[in-house]
Structures are given as C-alpha cells and as structure tokens.
Amino acid sequence: MDYQNISGEIWKPLSFDFEYSNDLHLEISNFGRLRSKTSKTEWNILKGTLINGYRIVRIKFLLSGMRLHKPGWMP
C-alpha cells in the first residue's frame, strides 16, 4: 500500500502555542494521519504505537536548549 497517496486526502500544517528550535514540520490529514519533514528529509508518515488500543505518536521538541516531550495521537 502506498501510504503517501490516498484519494481525497488533504494535508494541513500543525502549529503549536510555543516556540521550538528544531527544524521539524508536521502536517495532519483529514483521515487523521500525521506526517513529518525536516530540511534534510522527505515527508514521512508517522506510524506511532498502540497503547491500550489507542494509537499514539510521541514527538520531541527542542525548546531553548531543553527537550519538551509532547505526546500526540493518531487513529
């Protein structure tokens, strides 16, 4: 299955209410999928993991020299 192309899928950028310094771009689709990109990589679908039957994605941001861990989810 080609995870990059699903008919009718629309991607929108995610924004956060804090500033982070790592070069990470995230987008979410109308199907609930999450993808990431940096200046050195192409778009990658984030698969995440299952915890108690729920799909989660863990994302680490570099915040003023410190790491801030923000859990996310994906159906």
N, C-alpha and C. Protein backbone atom coordinates (compact mmCIF):
# COMPACT_ATOMS: atom_id res chain seq x y z
N MET A 1 0.85 -1.19 0.00
CA MET A 1 0.00 0.00 0.00
C MET A 1 0.88 1.24 0.00
N ASP A 2 0.55 2.18 -0.82
CA ASP A 2 1.30 3.44 -0.89
C ASP A 2 0.73 4.41 0.15
N TYR A 3 1.47 4.63 1.24
CA TYR A 3 0.99 5.47 2.33
C TYR A 3 1.00 6.96 1.98
N GLN A 4 1.64 7.34 0.90
CA GLN A 4 1.74 8.75 0.56
C GLN A 4 0.52 9.27 -0.21
N ASN A 5 -0.17 8.39 -0.91
CA ASN A 5 -1.25 8.84 -1.79
C ASN A 5 -2.55 8.11 -1.49
N ILE A 6 -3.47 8.76 -0.83
CA ILE A 6 -4.82 8.24 -0.63
C ILE A 6 -5.77 9.23 -1.29
N SER A 7 -6.65 8.71 -2.08
CA SER A 7 -7.58 9.57 -2.82
C SER A 7 -8.41 10.43 -1.87
N GLY A 8 -8.41 11.72 -2.08
CA GLY A 8 -9.21 12.65 -1.29
C GLY A 8 -8.55 13.11 -0.01
N GLU A 9 -7.30 12.71 0.24
CA GLU A 9 -6.62 13.11 1.48
C GLU A 9 -6.09 14.54 1.34
N ILE A 10 -6.37 15.35 2.35
CA ILE A 10 -5.95 16.75 2.37
C ILE A 10 -5.07 16.95 3.60
N TRP A 11 -3.89 17.54 3.39
CA TRP A 11 -2.93 17.76 4.47
C TRP A 11 -2.94 19.23 4.89
N LYS A 12 -2.89 19.46 6.22
CA LYS A 12 -2.81 20.82 6.76
C LYS A 12 -1.70 20.88 7.80
N PRO A 13 -0.94 21.99 7.85
CA PRO A 13 0.16 22.10 8.81
C PRO A 13 -0.36 22.21 10.25
N LEU A 14 0.41 21.63 11.17
CA LEU A 14 0.11 21.76 12.60
C LEU A 14 0.91 22.93 13.15
N SER A 15 0.31 23.67 14.04
CA SER A 15 1.02 24.75 14.72
C SER A 15 0.85 24.57 16.22
N PHE A 16 1.80 25.08 16.97
CA PHE A 16 1.81 24.94 18.42
C PHE A 16 1.89 26.31 19.07
N ASP A 17 1.50 26.38 20.34
CA ASP A 17 1.49 27.65 21.05
C ASP A 17 2.81 27.93 21.78
N PHE A 18 3.90 27.30 21.33
CA PHE A 18 5.21 27.56 21.90
C PHE A 18 6.23 27.55 20.76
N GLU A 19 7.38 28.16 21.01
CA GLU A 19 8.45 28.22 20.02
C GLU A 19 9.40 27.04 20.25
N TYR A 20 9.78 26.38 19.17
CA TYR A 20 10.76 25.31 19.27
C TYR A 20 11.83 25.53 18.21
N SER A 21 13.04 25.05 18.49
CA SER A 21 14.17 25.40 17.63
C SER A 21 14.56 24.30 16.65
N ASN A 22 14.07 23.08 16.81
CA ASN A 22 14.44 22.07 15.83
C ASN A 22 13.65 22.25 14.54
N ASP A 23 14.23 21.81 13.45
CA ASP A 23 13.66 22.01 12.12
C ASP A 23 12.67 20.89 11.81
N LEU A 24 11.51 20.93 12.40
CA LEU A 24 10.50 19.89 12.25
C LEU A 24 9.20 20.50 11.76
N HIS A 25 8.69 19.96 10.68
CA HIS A 25 7.40 20.39 10.14
C HIS A 25 6.44 19.22 10.23
N LEU A 26 5.25 19.46 10.79
CA LEU A 26 4.24 18.41 10.95
C LEU A 26 2.98 18.80 10.22
N GLU A 27 2.33 17.81 9.62
CA GLU A 27 1.04 18.01 8.97
C GLU A 27 0.11 16.87 9.37
N ILE A 28 -1.17 17.19 9.44
CA ILE A 28 -2.19 16.19 9.74
C ILE A 28 -3.19 16.17 8.58
N SER A 29 -3.71 14.98 8.29
CA SER A 29 -4.63 14.86 7.16
C SER A 29 -6.06 14.75 7.65
N ASN A 30 -6.99 14.89 6.71
CA ASN A 30 -8.40 14.75 7.05
C ASN A 30 -8.75 13.30 7.39
N PHE A 31 -7.82 12.35 7.18
CA PHE A 31 -8.01 10.96 7.59
C PHE A 31 -7.35 10.68 8.94
N GLY A 32 -6.77 11.71 9.57
CA GLY A 32 -6.18 11.56 10.89
C GLY A 32 -4.74 11.07 10.88
N ARG A 33 -4.12 11.03 9.72
CA ARG A 33 -2.72 10.59 9.65
C ARG A 33 -1.81 11.78 9.88
N LEU A 34 -0.63 11.50 10.44
CA LEU A 34 0.35 12.54 10.78
C LEU A 34 1.62 12.27 9.99
N ARG A 35 2.20 13.34 9.41
CA ARG A 35 3.47 13.18 8.71
C ARG A 35 4.43 14.27 9.14
N SER A 36 5.73 13.97 9.01
CA SER A 36 6.75 14.91 9.44
C SER A 36 7.78 15.10 8.33
N LYS A 37 8.48 16.23 8.42
CA LYS A 37 9.52 16.57 7.45
C LYS A 37 10.51 17.50 8.12
N THR A 38 11.78 17.35 7.76
CA THR A 38 12.81 18.30 8.15
C THR A 38 13.43 18.84 6.87
N SER A 39 14.37 19.75 7.01
CA SER A 39 15.02 20.30 5.82
C SER A 39 15.87 19.26 5.11
N LYS A 40 16.23 18.17 5.81
CA LYS A 40 17.09 17.13 5.23
C LYS A 40 16.33 15.90 4.77
N THR A 41 15.04 15.80 5.06
CA THR A 41 14.29 14.59 4.73
C THR A 41 13.04 14.92 3.93
N GLU A 42 12.47 13.89 3.32
CA GLU A 42 11.19 14.00 2.63
C GLU A 42 10.08 13.80 3.66
N TRP A 43 8.82 13.91 3.23
CA TRP A 43 7.69 13.66 4.12
C TRP A 43 7.65 12.18 4.50
N ASN A 44 7.46 11.90 5.80
CA ASN A 44 7.33 10.54 6.31
C ASN A 44 6.05 10.43 7.13
N ILE A 45 5.28 9.38 6.87
CA ILE A 45 4.09 9.11 7.68
C ILE A 45 4.55 8.57 9.02
N LEU A 46 4.05 9.13 10.12
CA LEU A 46 4.38 8.66 11.46
C LEU A 46 3.38 7.58 11.85
N LYS A 47 3.88 6.39 12.11
CA LYS A 47 3.02 5.26 12.45
C LYS A 47 2.62 5.26 13.92
N GLY A 48 3.53 5.68 14.78
CA GLY A 48 3.24 5.69 16.21
C GLY A 48 3.23 4.29 16.77
N THR A 49 2.56 4.11 17.89
CA THR A 49 2.46 2.82 18.56
C THR A 49 1.09 2.69 19.19
N LEU A 50 0.73 1.48 19.56
CA LEU A 50 -0.54 1.24 20.24
C LEU A 50 -0.32 1.12 21.73
N ILE A 51 -1.09 1.86 22.50
CA ILE A 51 -1.08 1.75 23.96
C ILE A 51 -2.53 1.63 24.40
N ASN A 52 -2.85 0.52 25.02
CA ASN A 52 -4.22 0.21 25.47
C ASN A 52 -5.23 0.35 24.32
N GLY A 53 -4.83 -0.02 23.11
CA GLY A 53 -5.72 0.02 21.96
C GLY A 53 -5.82 1.37 21.28
N TYR A 54 -5.09 2.37 21.77
CA TYR A 54 -5.12 3.71 21.17
C TYR A 54 -3.80 3.98 20.46
N ARG A 55 -3.86 4.53 19.27
CA ARG A 55 -2.66 4.88 18.51
C ARG A 55 -2.13 6.21 19.04
N ILE A 56 -0.84 6.24 19.41
CA ILE A 56 -0.22 7.48 19.89
C ILE A 56 1.06 7.73 19.10
N VAL A 57 1.44 8.98 19.02
CA VAL A 57 2.69 9.40 18.40
C VAL A 57 3.39 10.30 19.41
N ARG A 58 4.64 9.99 19.71
CA ARG A 58 5.43 10.82 20.63
C ARG A 58 6.34 11.72 19.80
N ILE A 59 6.34 12.99 20.15
CA ILE A 59 7.13 13.98 19.42
C ILE A 59 8.00 14.73 20.42
N LYS A 60 9.28 14.88 20.09
CA LYS A 60 10.19 15.63 20.96
C LYS A 60 10.56 16.94 20.27
N PHE A 61 10.42 18.03 21.00
CA PHE A 61 10.78 19.35 20.52
C PHE A 61 11.97 19.86 21.30
N LEU A 62 12.83 20.60 20.65
CA LEU A 62 13.96 21.25 21.31
C LEU A 62 13.52 22.66 21.66
N LEU A 63 13.43 22.96 22.95
CA LEU A 63 12.89 24.21 23.42
C LEU A 63 13.93 24.94 24.27
N SER A 64 14.53 25.97 23.74
CA SER A 64 15.53 26.79 24.45
C SER A 64 16.63 25.93 25.08
N GLY A 65 17.15 24.98 24.32
CA GLY A 65 18.22 24.13 24.83
C GLY A 65 17.73 22.98 25.69
N MET A 66 16.44 22.88 25.94
CA MET A 66 15.88 21.79 26.73
C MET A 66 14.91 21.01 25.86
N ARG A 67 14.68 19.75 26.20
CA ARG A 67 13.72 18.96 25.44
C ARG A 67 12.35 19.01 26.11
N LEU A 68 11.34 19.20 25.30
CA LEU A 68 9.96 19.21 25.76
C LEU A 68 9.25 18.06 25.07
N HIS A 69 8.72 17.14 25.84
CA HIS A 69 8.06 15.95 25.27
C HIS A 69 6.56 16.20 25.22
N LYS A 70 5.99 16.16 24.03
CA LYS A 70 4.56 16.38 23.84
C LYS A 70 3.96 15.14 23.20
N PRO A 71 3.17 14.34 23.92
CA PRO A 71 2.54 13.18 23.27
C PRO A 71 1.42 13.61 22.35
N GLY A 72 1.22 12.89 21.30
CA GLY A 72 0.13 13.14 20.37
C GLY A 72 -0.61 11.86 20.12
N TRP A 73 -1.59 11.88 19.27
CA TRP A 73 -2.34 10.66 18.96
C TRP A 73 -2.66 10.62 17.50
N MET A 74 -2.99 9.42 17.04
CA MET A 74 -3.34 9.21 15.64
C MET A 74 -4.28 8.02 15.59
N PRO A 75 -5.45 8.14 14.96
CA PRO A 75 -6.36 6.99 14.91
C PRO A 75 -5.82 5.88 14.04
